[in-house]
Amino acid sequence: MTDPIASHWGAADIHERILDAMRASGLSAGTATIEQLAPVDHIHARGFAATKELADSLPIRSGDRIVDIGCGIGGPARYLADRFGCHVEGIDISEPFVDAGNRLSEMTRMRDRVTIRYGDGQKLPYADESFDGGYAQHVTMNVPDRDRFFAEAFRVLRPGAFFALTEHGLGAAGTPHHPLPWSEDGAGAYLLPPEQTVALLGAVGFQMIEVVETGIDYLQGYRKMISLMDNGALPPLGVHIILGPAASEKIRNAARNIEEFRTRPVRIMCRKPQ
């Protein structure tokens, strides 16, 4: 991934924005919980609901070491670490996200189980066979070298480990409308049809590849957010803080692209062979 992609996602004042929204919501940094931060720190389509849905399918055991590639500000990592009693290593290309993520982990008393560092998913700073499982939520749309990204995930996973990803794949109609949450004008966006993603996963060695179509779920999620926006009912704390001034247009386009078969959301699960 490249610096423009990091700049797209990581506004320098992201931590301050979150603190301001927390205060507007009546939340205290001294007592904030993982659940209270969930509306803002799951920076992917459908937010916390999608993380919980993904978690339901993950075979994580207490004490496992998990890697979150493209972890954002760490909401999913904190949730999984708390839910399963595992340790999550997060990595993200946006330095403001890394800084905010570690501060939020400190705020929620999760620094002993969640570690976030700056880095690129195409060149992971971990030793071979370091993790019992890994995942990437809505990250691959911004990955130019997906072969290398998947090869790196494969390298750092132990034999038998799972790898899960969620993404907006390229739909049959193609050419999505912009701006979108992951790109203002198409720059830095590298969508592929899900069938091609499956082929690339298989080419690096992953097996037992399963694809679940999630377009209807994501469309419903976007429509719900559009309804809140149209009625002026967005809460102070939400992912619109991260998406910035064009949040409304990005969400509307995300829904439209699914409706017009320009994007195709999927959840994919696979395994590194024993």
C-alpha atoms as a PDB file:
ATOM      1  CA  MET A   1       0.000   0.000   0.000  1.00  0.00           C
ATOM      2  CA  THR A   2       1.094   3.551  -0.611  1.00  0.00           C
ATOM      3  CA  ASP A   3       1.270   6.829   1.245  1.00  0.00           C
ATOM      4  CA  PRO A   4      -1.832   8.304  -0.513  1.00  0.00           C
ATOM      5  CA  ILE A   5      -3.870   5.396   0.853  1.00  0.00           C
ATOM      6  CA  ALA A   6      -2.530   6.032   4.359  1.00  0.00           C
ATOM      7  CA  SER A   7      -3.369   9.720   3.975  1.00  0.00           C
ATOM      8  CA  HIS A   8      -6.886   8.911   2.788  1.00  0.00           C
ATOM      9  CA  TRP A   9      -7.628   6.964   5.961  1.00  0.00           C
ATOM     10  CA  GLY A  10      -5.565   8.618   8.650  1.00  0.00           C
ATOM     11  CA  ALA A  11      -6.417  12.213   9.500  1.00  0.00           C
ATOM     12  CA  ALA A  12      -3.880  13.532  12.005  1.00  0.00           C
ATOM     13  CA  ASP A  13      -6.561  14.645  14.466  1.00  0.00           C
ATOM     14  CA  ILE A  14      -8.493  11.362  14.545  1.00  0.00           C
ATOM     15  CA  HIS A  15      -7.946  10.765  18.261  1.00  0.00           C
ATOM     16  CA  GLU A  16      -9.121  14.272  19.137  1.00  0.00           C
ATOM     17  CA  ARG A  17     -12.213  13.824  16.943  1.00  0.00           C
ATOM     18  CA  ILE A  18     -13.118  10.666  18.826  1.00  0.00           C
ATOM     19  CA  LEU A  19     -12.607  12.327  22.221  1.00  0.00           C
ATOM     20  CA  ASP A  20     -14.827  15.246  21.168  1.00  0.00           C
ATOM     21  CA  ALA A  21     -17.544  12.836  20.014  1.00  0.00           C
ATOM     22  CA  MET A  22     -17.257  10.878  23.251  1.00  0.00           C
ATOM     23  CA  ARG A  23     -17.780  14.029  25.272  1.00  0.00           C
ATOM     24  CA  ALA A  24     -20.785  14.924  23.104  1.00  0.00           C
ATOM     25  CA  SER A  25     -22.155  11.454  23.858  1.00  0.00           C
ATOM     26  CA  GLY A  26     -21.625  11.829  27.592  1.00  0.00           C
ATOM     27  CA  LEU A  27     -18.822   9.251  27.704  1.00  0.00           C
ATOM     28  CA  SER A  28     -15.778   9.573  29.934  1.00  0.00           C
ATOM     29  CA  ALA A  29     -12.325   8.516  28.749  1.00  0.00           C
ATOM     30  CA  GLY A  30     -11.706   7.210  32.242  1.00  0.00           C
ATOM     31  CA  THR A  31     -14.562   4.726  32.206  1.00  0.00           C
ATOM     32  CA  ALA A  32     -15.174   4.026  28.493  1.00  0.00           C
ATOM     33  CA  THR A  33     -15.790   0.392  27.587  1.00  0.00           C
ATOM     34  CA  ILE A  34     -15.214  -1.623  24.431  1.00  0.00           C
ATOM     35  CA  GLU A  35     -18.969  -1.689  23.815  1.00  0.00           C
ATOM     36  CA  GLN A  36     -19.328   2.084  24.208  1.00  0.00           C
ATOM     37  CA  LEU A  37     -16.585   2.732  21.651  1.00  0.00           C
ATOM     38  CA  ALA A  38     -17.970   0.183  19.188  1.00  0.00           C
ATOM     39  CA  PRO A  39     -19.982   2.705  17.108  1.00  0.00           C
ATOM     40  CA  VAL A  40     -16.770   4.466  16.055  1.00  0.00           C
ATOM     41  CA  ASP A  41     -13.852   2.035  16.229  1.00  0.00           C
ATOM     42  CA  HIS A  42     -15.059  -0.693  13.829  1.00  0.00           C
ATOM     43  CA  ILE A  43     -14.095   1.166  10.663  1.00  0.00           C
ATOM     44  CA  HIS A  44     -15.579  -1.071   8.005  1.00  0.00           C
ATOM     45  CA  ALA A  45     -18.936  -1.584   6.376  1.00  0.00           C
ATOM     46  CA  ARG A  46     -21.690  -2.490   8.888  1.00  0.00           C
ATOM     47  CA  GLY A  47     -19.328  -1.760  11.777  1.00  0.00           C
ATOM     48  CA  PHE A  48     -19.657  -3.675  15.031  1.00  0.00           C
ATOM     49  CA  ALA A  49     -22.429  -5.935  13.690  1.00  0.00           C
ATOM     50  CA  ALA A  50     -20.124  -7.218  10.952  1.00  0.00           C
ATOM     51  CA  THR A  51     -17.302  -7.825  13.423  1.00  0.00           C
ATOM     52  CA  LYS A  52     -19.565  -9.876  15.674  1.00  0.00           C
ATOM     53  CA  GLU A  53     -20.828 -11.838  12.672  1.00  0.00           C
ATOM     54  CA  LEU A  54     -17.278 -12.564  11.556  1.00  0.00           C
ATOM     55  CA  ALA A  55     -16.265 -13.524  15.109  1.00  0.00           C
ATOM     56  CA  ASP A  56     -19.069 -16.075  15.255  1.00  0.00           C
ATOM     57  CA  SER A  57     -17.353 -17.972  12.430  1.00  0.00           C
ATOM     58  CA  LEU A  58     -13.792 -17.841  13.783  1.00  0.00           C
ATOM     59  CA  PRO A  59     -12.312 -20.870  15.604  1.00  0.00           C
ATOM     60  CA  ILE A  60     -10.338 -18.797  18.115  1.00  0.00           C
ATOM     61  CA  ARG A  61      -9.280 -20.379  21.409  1.00  0.00           C
ATOM     62  CA  SER A  62      -8.223 -18.765  24.647  1.00  0.00           C
ATOM     63  CA  GLY A  63      -4.515 -17.959  24.503  1.00  0.00           C
ATOM     64  CA  ASP A  64      -4.324 -17.918  20.691  1.00  0.00           C
ATOM     65  CA  ARG A  65      -2.198 -15.317  18.953  1.00  0.00           C
ATOM     66  CA  ILE A  66      -4.129 -13.617  16.150  1.00  0.00           C
ATOM     67  CA  VAL A  67      -3.030 -11.083  13.524  1.00  0.00           C
ATOM     68  CA  ASP A  68      -5.340  -8.284  12.339  1.00  0.00           C
ATOM     69  CA  ILE A  69      -3.970  -6.992   9.021  1.00  0.00           C
ATOM     70  CA  GLY A  70      -5.201  -3.449   8.410  1.00  0.00           C
ATOM     71  CA  CYS A  71      -6.566  -3.093  11.939  1.00  0.00           C
ATOM     72  CA  GLY A  72      -7.582   0.576  11.755  1.00  0.00           C
ATOM     73  CA  ILE A  73      -7.995   1.976  15.274  1.00  0.00           C
ATOM     74  CA  GLY A  74      -8.347  -1.482  16.769  1.00  0.00           C
ATOM     75  CA  GLY A  75     -12.035  -1.973  17.561  1.00  0.00           C
ATOM     76  CA  PRO A  76     -12.218  -5.533  16.177  1.00  0.00           C
ATOM     77  CA  ALA A  77      -8.900  -6.473  17.794  1.00  0.00           C
ATOM     78  CA  ARG A  78     -10.108  -5.325  21.218  1.00  0.00           C
ATOM     79  CA  TYR A  79     -13.445  -7.096  20.809  1.00  0.00           C
ATOM     80  CA  LEU A  80     -11.878 -10.410  19.772  1.00  0.00           C
ATOM     81  CA  ALA A  81      -9.243 -10.257  22.496  1.00  0.00           C
ATOM     82  CA  ASP A  82     -11.918  -9.633  25.103  1.00  0.00           C
ATOM     83  CA  ARG A  83     -14.409 -12.177  23.753  1.00  0.00           C
ATOM     84  CA  PHE A  84     -11.993 -15.074  23.239  1.00  0.00           C
ATOM     85  CA  GLY A  85      -9.239 -14.341  25.744  1.00  0.00           C
ATOM     86  CA  CYS A  86      -6.673 -14.246  22.948  1.00  0.00           C
ATOM     87  CA  HIS A  87      -3.871 -11.817  22.077  1.00  0.00           C
ATOM     88  CA  VAL A  88      -4.241  -9.759  18.898  1.00  0.00           C
ATOM     89  CA  GLU A  89      -1.394  -8.128  17.007  1.00  0.00           C
ATOM     90  CA  GLY A  90      -2.733  -5.354  14.786  1.00  0.00           C
ATOM     91  CA  ILE A  91      -0.905  -3.624  11.968  1.00  0.00           C
ATOM     92  CA  ASP A  92      -1.979  -0.603   9.939  1.00  0.00           C
ATOM     93  CA  ILE A  93      -0.428   1.685   7.345  1.00  0.00           C
ATOM     94  CA  SER A  94      -1.931   4.839   8.859  1.00  0.00           C
ATOM     95  CA  GLU A  95       0.221   6.248  11.655  1.00  0.00           C
ATOM     96  CA  PRO A  96      -2.644   8.351  13.130  1.00  0.00           C
ATOM     97  CA  PHE A  97      -4.741   5.174  13.288  1.00  0.00           C
ATOM     98  CA  VAL A  98      -1.935   3.320  15.071  1.00  0.00           C
ATOM     99  CA  ASP A  99      -1.546   6.127  17.592  1.00  0.00           C
ATOM    100  CA  ALA A 100      -5.290   6.432  18.197  1.00  0.00           C
ATOM    101  CA  GLY A 101      -5.687   2.659  18.383  1.00  0.00           C
ATOM    102  CA  ASN A 102      -3.070   2.249  21.080  1.00  0.00           C
ATOM    103  CA  ARG A 103      -4.558   5.133  23.064  1.00  0.00           C
ATOM    104  CA  LEU A 104      -8.010   3.558  22.866  1.00  0.00           C
ATOM    105  CA  SER A 105      -6.578   0.216  23.982  1.00  0.00           C
ATOM    106  CA  GLU A 106      -5.020   2.003  26.941  1.00  0.00           C
ATOM    107  CA  MET A 107      -8.333   3.727  27.638  1.00  0.00           C
ATOM    108  CA  THR A 108     -10.199   0.404  27.672  1.00  0.00           C
ATOM    109  CA  ARG A 109      -7.469  -1.368  29.643  1.00  0.00           C
ATOM    110  CA  MET A 110      -6.612  -3.737  26.774  1.00  0.00           C
ATOM    111  CA  ARG A 111      -2.956  -2.885  26.124  1.00  0.00           C
ATOM    112  CA  ASP A 112      -1.850  -6.194  27.633  1.00  0.00           C
ATOM    113  CA  ARG A 113      -3.801  -8.158  25.006  1.00  0.00           C
ATOM    114  CA  VAL A 114      -3.871  -5.847  21.970  1.00  0.00           C
ATOM    115  CA  THR A 115      -0.748  -4.477  20.327  1.00  0.00           C
ATOM    116  CA  ILE A 116      -0.985  -2.175  17.303  1.00  0.00           C
ATOM    117  CA  ARG A 117       1.985  -1.195  15.204  1.00  0.00           C
ATOM    118  CA  TYR A 118       2.677   0.748  12.030  1.00  0.00           C
ATOM    119  CA  GLY A 119       3.380  -1.347   8.950  1.00  0.00           C
ATOM    120  CA  ASP A 120       2.298  -2.646   5.567  1.00  0.00           C
ATOM    121  CA  GLY A 121       0.273  -5.823   5.037  1.00  0.00           C
ATOM    122  CA  GLN A 122       2.334  -6.507   1.929  1.00  0.00           C
ATOM    123  CA  LYS A 123       5.459  -6.834   4.092  1.00  0.00           C
ATOM    124  CA  LEU A 124       4.513  -8.053   7.544  1.00  0.00           C
ATOM    125  CA  PRO A 125       7.084  -7.497  10.333  1.00  0.00           C
ATOM    126  CA  TYR A 126       6.519 -10.940  11.875  1.00  0.00           C
ATOM    127  CA  ALA A 127       8.421 -14.207  11.846  1.00  0.00           C
ATOM    128  CA  ASP A 128       7.217 -17.213   9.884  1.00  0.00           C
ATOM    129  CA  GLU A 129       4.419 -19.258  11.503  1.00  0.00           C
ATOM    130  CA  SER A 130       3.808 -16.754  14.313  1.00  0.00           C
ATOM    131  CA  PHE A 131       0.003 -16.788  14.502  1.00  0.00           C
ATOM    132  CA  ASP A 132      -2.866 -19.188  15.142  1.00  0.00           C
ATOM    133  CA  GLY A 133      -5.176 -17.206  12.877  1.00  0.00           C
ATOM    134  CA  GLY A 134      -5.544 -13.968  10.991  1.00  0.00           C
ATOM    135  CA  TYR A 135      -8.092 -11.709   9.351  1.00  0.00           C
ATOM    136  CA  ALA A 136      -8.449  -8.560   7.256  1.00  0.00           C
ATOM    137  CA  GLN A 137     -11.727  -6.638   7.365  1.00  0.00           C
ATOM    138  CA  HIS A 138     -12.396  -4.438   4.349  1.00  0.00           C
ATOM    139  CA  VAL A 139      -8.709  -3.891   3.688  1.00  0.00           C
ATOM    140  CA  THR A 140      -8.029  -5.571   0.348  1.00  0.00           C
ATOM    141  CA  MET A 141      -9.889  -2.903  -1.648  1.00  0.00           C
ATOM    142  CA  ASN A 142      -6.797  -0.734  -0.987  1.00  0.00           C
ATOM    143  CA  VAL A 143      -4.150  -3.407  -1.657  1.00  0.00           C
ATOM    144  CA  PRO A 144      -2.330  -3.057  -5.004  1.00  0.00           C
ATOM    145  CA  ASP A 145      -0.305  -6.280  -4.718  1.00  0.00           C
ATOM    146  CA  ARG A 146      -2.859  -8.762  -3.486  1.00  0.00           C
ATOM    147  CA  ASP A 147      -0.630 -11.746  -4.368  1.00  0.00           C
ATOM    148  CA  ARG A 148       2.015 -10.483  -1.979  1.00  0.00           C
ATOM    149  CA  PHE A 149      -0.561  -9.548   0.672  1.00  0.00           C
ATOM    150  CA  PHE A 150      -1.962 -13.085   0.713  1.00  0.00           C
ATOM    151  CA  ALA A 151       1.496 -14.639   0.543  1.00  0.00           C
ATOM    152  CA  GLU A 152       2.555 -12.660   3.611  1.00  0.00           C
ATOM    153  CA  ALA A 153      -0.568 -13.717   5.500  1.00  0.00           C
ATOM    154  CA  PHE A 154       0.152 -17.338   4.566  1.00  0.00           C
ATOM    155  CA  ARG A 155       3.786 -17.014   5.695  1.00  0.00           C
ATOM    156  CA  VAL A 156       3.067 -15.717   9.194  1.00  0.00           C
ATOM    157  CA  LEU A 157       0.301 -18.242   9.952  1.00  0.00           C
ATOM    158  CA  ARG A 158       0.997 -21.583  11.588  1.00  0.00           C
ATOM    159  CA  PRO A 159       0.006 -24.798   9.773  1.00  0.00           C
ATOM    160  CA  GLY A 160      -3.721 -25.357  10.181  1.00  0.00           C
ATOM    161  CA  ALA A 161      -4.416 -21.689  10.994  1.00  0.00           C
ATOM    162  CA  PHE A 162      -7.445 -19.877   9.605  1.00  0.00           C
ATOM    163  CA  PHE A 163      -7.450 -16.725   7.497  1.00  0.00           C
ATOM    164  CA  ALA A 164     -10.633 -14.672   7.065  1.00  0.00           C
ATOM    165  CA  LEU A 165     -11.354 -11.579   5.052  1.00  0.00           C
ATOM    166  CA  THR A 166     -14.295  -9.359   4.240  1.00  0.00           C
ATOM    167  CA  GLU A 167     -14.339  -7.015   1.275  1.00  0.00           C
ATOM    168  CA  HIS A 168     -16.337  -5.291  -1.400  1.00  0.00           C
ATOM    169  CA  GLY A 169     -15.415  -7.279  -4.490  1.00  0.00           C
ATOM    170  CA  LEU A 170     -15.849  -5.905  -7.982  1.00  0.00           C
ATOM    171  CA  GLY A 171     -19.349  -6.592  -9.265  1.00  0.00           C
ATOM    172  CA  ALA A 172     -20.416  -7.738 -12.716  1.00  0.00           C
ATOM    173  CA  ALA A 173     -21.328  -4.184 -13.822  1.00  0.00           C
ATOM    174  CA  GLY A 174     -17.975  -2.814 -12.656  1.00  0.00           C
ATOM    175  CA  THR A 175     -16.835   0.846 -12.467  1.00  0.00           C
ATOM    176  CA  PRO A 176     -18.149   1.863  -9.024  1.00  0.00           C
ATOM    177  CA  HIS A 177     -19.500   5.333  -8.322  1.00  0.00           C
ATOM    178  CA  HIS A 178     -17.230   7.520  -6.160  1.00  0.00           C
ATOM    179  CA  PRO A 179     -16.501   8.814  -3.598  1.00  0.00           C
ATOM    180  CA  LEU A 180     -16.539   5.679  -1.435  1.00  0.00           C
ATOM    181  CA  PRO A 181     -15.283   4.984   2.088  1.00  0.00           C
ATOM    182  CA  TRP A 182     -12.031   3.537   0.706  1.00  0.00           C
ATOM    183  CA  SER A 183     -11.428   6.002  -2.146  1.00  0.00           C
ATOM    184  CA  GLU A 184     -12.454   9.530  -3.046  1.00  0.00           C
ATOM    185  CA  ASP A 185     -12.178   9.150  -6.815  1.00  0.00           C
ATOM    186  CA  GLY A 186     -10.956   5.625  -7.598  1.00  0.00           C
ATOM    187  CA  ALA A 187      -7.326   6.347  -6.761  1.00  0.00           C
ATOM    188  CA  GLY A 188      -5.862   3.718  -4.453  1.00  0.00           C
ATOM    189  CA  ALA A 189      -8.758   1.318  -5.084  1.00  0.00           C
ATOM    190  CA  TYR A 190      -7.949  -2.189  -6.340  1.00  0.00           C
ATOM    191  CA  LEU A 191     -11.194  -4.137  -6.390  1.00  0.00           C
ATOM    192  CA  LEU A 192     -11.249  -7.633  -7.858  1.00  0.00           C
ATOM    193  CA  PRO A 193     -14.106 -10.031  -8.605  1.00  0.00           C
ATOM    194  CA  PRO A 194     -14.456 -12.475  -5.683  1.00  0.00           C
ATOM    195  CA  GLU A 195     -13.622 -15.393  -7.997  1.00  0.00           C
ATOM    196  CA  GLN A 196     -10.239 -13.823  -8.698  1.00  0.00           C
ATOM    197  CA  THR A 197      -9.615 -13.277  -4.990  1.00  0.00           C
ATOM    198  CA  VAL A 198     -10.392 -16.958  -4.362  1.00  0.00           C
ATOM    199  CA  ALA A 199      -7.964 -17.955  -7.122  1.00  0.00           C
ATOM    200  CA  LEU A 200      -5.198 -15.820  -5.601  1.00  0.00           C
ATOM    201  CA  LEU A 201      -5.748 -17.305  -2.150  1.00  0.00           C
ATOM    202  CA  GLY A 202      -5.490 -20.783  -3.619  1.00  0.00           C
ATOM    203  CA  ALA A 203      -2.380 -19.887  -5.581  1.00  0.00           C
ATOM    204  CA  VAL A 204      -0.431 -18.975  -2.421  1.00  0.00           C
ATOM    205  CA  GLY A 205      -1.479 -22.223  -0.751  1.00  0.00           C
ATOM    206  CA  PHE A 206      -4.700 -21.598   1.177  1.00  0.00           C
ATOM    207  CA  GLN A 207      -7.242 -24.414   1.155  1.00  0.00           C
ATOM    208  CA  MET A 208     -10.854 -25.024   2.233  1.00  0.00           C
ATOM    209  CA  ILE A 209     -11.818 -21.643   0.773  1.00  0.00           C
ATOM    210  CA  GLU A 210     -15.433 -20.728   1.521  1.00  0.00           C
ATOM    211  CA  VAL A 211     -17.241 -17.643   0.208  1.00  0.00           C
ATOM    212  CA  VAL A 212     -20.378 -16.141   1.739  1.00  0.00           C
ATOM    213  CA  GLU A 213     -22.268 -13.481  -0.214  1.00  0.00           C
ATOM    214  CA  THR A 214     -23.050 -10.576   2.138  1.00  0.00           C
ATOM    215  CA  GLY A 215     -24.420  -7.961  -0.265  1.00  0.00           C
ATOM    216  CA  ILE A 216     -27.956  -7.950   1.149  1.00  0.00           C
ATOM    217  CA  ASP A 217     -26.673  -7.481   4.701  1.00  0.00           C
ATOM    218  CA  TYR A 218     -24.425  -4.607   3.691  1.00  0.00           C
ATOM    219  CA  LEU A 219     -27.117  -2.951   1.602  1.00  0.00           C
ATOM    220  CA  GLN A 220     -29.491  -3.053   4.580  1.00  0.00           C
ATOM    221  CA  GLY A 221     -26.773  -1.585   6.791  1.00  0.00           C
ATOM    222  CA  TYR A 222     -26.115   1.277   4.386  1.00  0.00           C
ATOM    223  CA  ARG A 223     -29.832   1.970   3.990  1.00  0.00           C
ATOM    224  CA  LYS A 224     -30.231   2.177   7.752  1.00  0.00           C
ATOM    225  CA  MET A 225     -27.411   4.709   7.962  1.00  0.00           C
ATOM    226  CA  ILE A 226     -28.885   6.703   5.055  1.00  0.00           C
ATOM    227  CA  SER A 227     -32.206   6.838   6.898  1.00  0.00           C
ATOM    228  CA  LEU A 228     -30.484   8.203   9.996  1.00  0.00           C
ATOM    229  CA  MET A 229     -28.674  10.818   7.917  1.00  0.00           C
ATOM    230  CA  ASP A 230     -31.857  11.878   6.111  1.00  0.00           C
ATOM    231  CA  ASN A 231     -33.633  12.311   9.450  1.00  0.00           C
ATOM    232  CA  GLY A 232     -30.760  14.142  11.120  1.00  0.00           C
ATOM    233  CA  ALA A 233     -30.507  11.337  13.638  1.00  0.00           C
ATOM    234  CA  LEU A 234     -26.863  10.302  13.380  1.00  0.00           C
ATOM    235  CA  PRO A 235     -25.390   9.941  16.891  1.00  0.00           C
ATOM    236  CA  PRO A 236     -22.341  12.041  17.820  1.00  0.00           C
ATOM    237  CA  LEU A 237     -20.185   8.890  17.990  1.00  0.00           C
ATOM    238  CA  GLY A 238     -20.042   6.941  14.741  1.00  0.00           C
ATOM    239  CA  VAL A 239     -17.919   5.995  11.738  1.00  0.00           C
ATOM    240  CA  HIS A 240     -19.000   9.185   9.972  1.00  0.00           C
ATOM    241  CA  ILE A 241     -16.376  10.849  12.160  1.00  0.00           C
ATOM    242  CA  ILE A 242     -13.729   8.800  10.354  1.00  0.00           C
ATOM    243  CA  LEU A 243     -15.243   9.164   6.873  1.00  0.00           C
ATOM    244  CA  GLY A 244     -15.152  12.947   7.077  1.00  0.00           C
ATOM    245  CA  PRO A 245     -17.241  15.684   5.399  1.00  0.00           C
ATOM    246  CA  ALA A 246     -18.182  13.475   2.427  1.00  0.00           C
ATOM    247  CA  ALA A 247     -19.527  10.683   4.662  1.00  0.00           C
ATOM    248  CA  SER A 248     -23.096  11.017   3.374  1.00  0.00           C
ATOM    249  CA  GLU A 249     -22.102  10.795  -0.283  1.00  0.00           C
ATOM    250  CA  LYS A 250     -19.747   7.876   0.399  1.00  0.00           C
ATOM    251  CA  ILE A 251     -22.444   5.848   2.136  1.00  0.00           C
ATOM    252  CA  ARG A 252     -25.022   6.597  -0.557  1.00  0.00           C
ATOM    253  CA  ASN A 253     -22.626   5.528  -3.280  1.00  0.00           C
ATOM    254  CA  ALA A 254     -21.710   2.363  -1.379  1.00  0.00           C
ATOM    255  CA  ALA A 255     -25.384   1.377  -1.321  1.00  0.00           C
ATOM    256  CA  ARG A 256     -25.940   2.353  -4.947  1.00  0.00           C
ATOM    257  CA  ASN A 257     -22.971   0.294  -6.106  1.00  0.00           C
ATOM    258  CA  ILE A 258     -24.391  -2.844  -4.499  1.00  0.00           C
ATOM    259  CA  GLU A 259     -27.836  -2.151  -5.957  1.00  0.00           C
ATOM    260  CA  GLU A 260     -26.349  -1.717  -9.440  1.00  0.00           C
ATOM    261  CA  PHE A 261     -24.055  -4.782  -9.155  1.00  0.00           C
ATOM    262  CA  ARG A 262     -20.944  -2.606  -9.354  1.00  0.00           C
ATOM    263  CA  THR A 263     -19.626  -4.017  -6.061  1.00  0.00           C
ATOM    264  CA  ARG A 264     -20.165  -7.436  -4.511  1.00  0.00           C
ATOM    265  CA  PRO A 265     -19.553  -7.744  -0.751  1.00  0.00           C
ATOM    266  CA  VAL A 266     -18.296 -11.130   0.437  1.00  0.00           C
ATOM    267  CA  ARG A 267     -16.882 -12.854   3.509  1.00  0.00           C
ATOM    268  CA  ILE A 268     -14.177 -15.436   2.804  1.00  0.00           C
ATOM    269  CA  MET A 269     -12.728 -18.058   5.137  1.00  0.00           C
ATOM    270  CA  CYS A 270      -9.825 -20.382   4.359  1.00  0.00           C
ATOM    271  CA  ARG A 271      -7.086 -22.433   6.014  1.00  0.00           C
ATOM    272  CA  LYS A 272      -3.369 -22.914   5.756  1.00  0.00           C
ATOM    273  CA  PRO A 273      -2.858 -26.669   5.346  1.00  0.00           C
ATOM    274  CA  GLN A 274      -1.385 -28.713   8.181  1.00  0.00           C
END
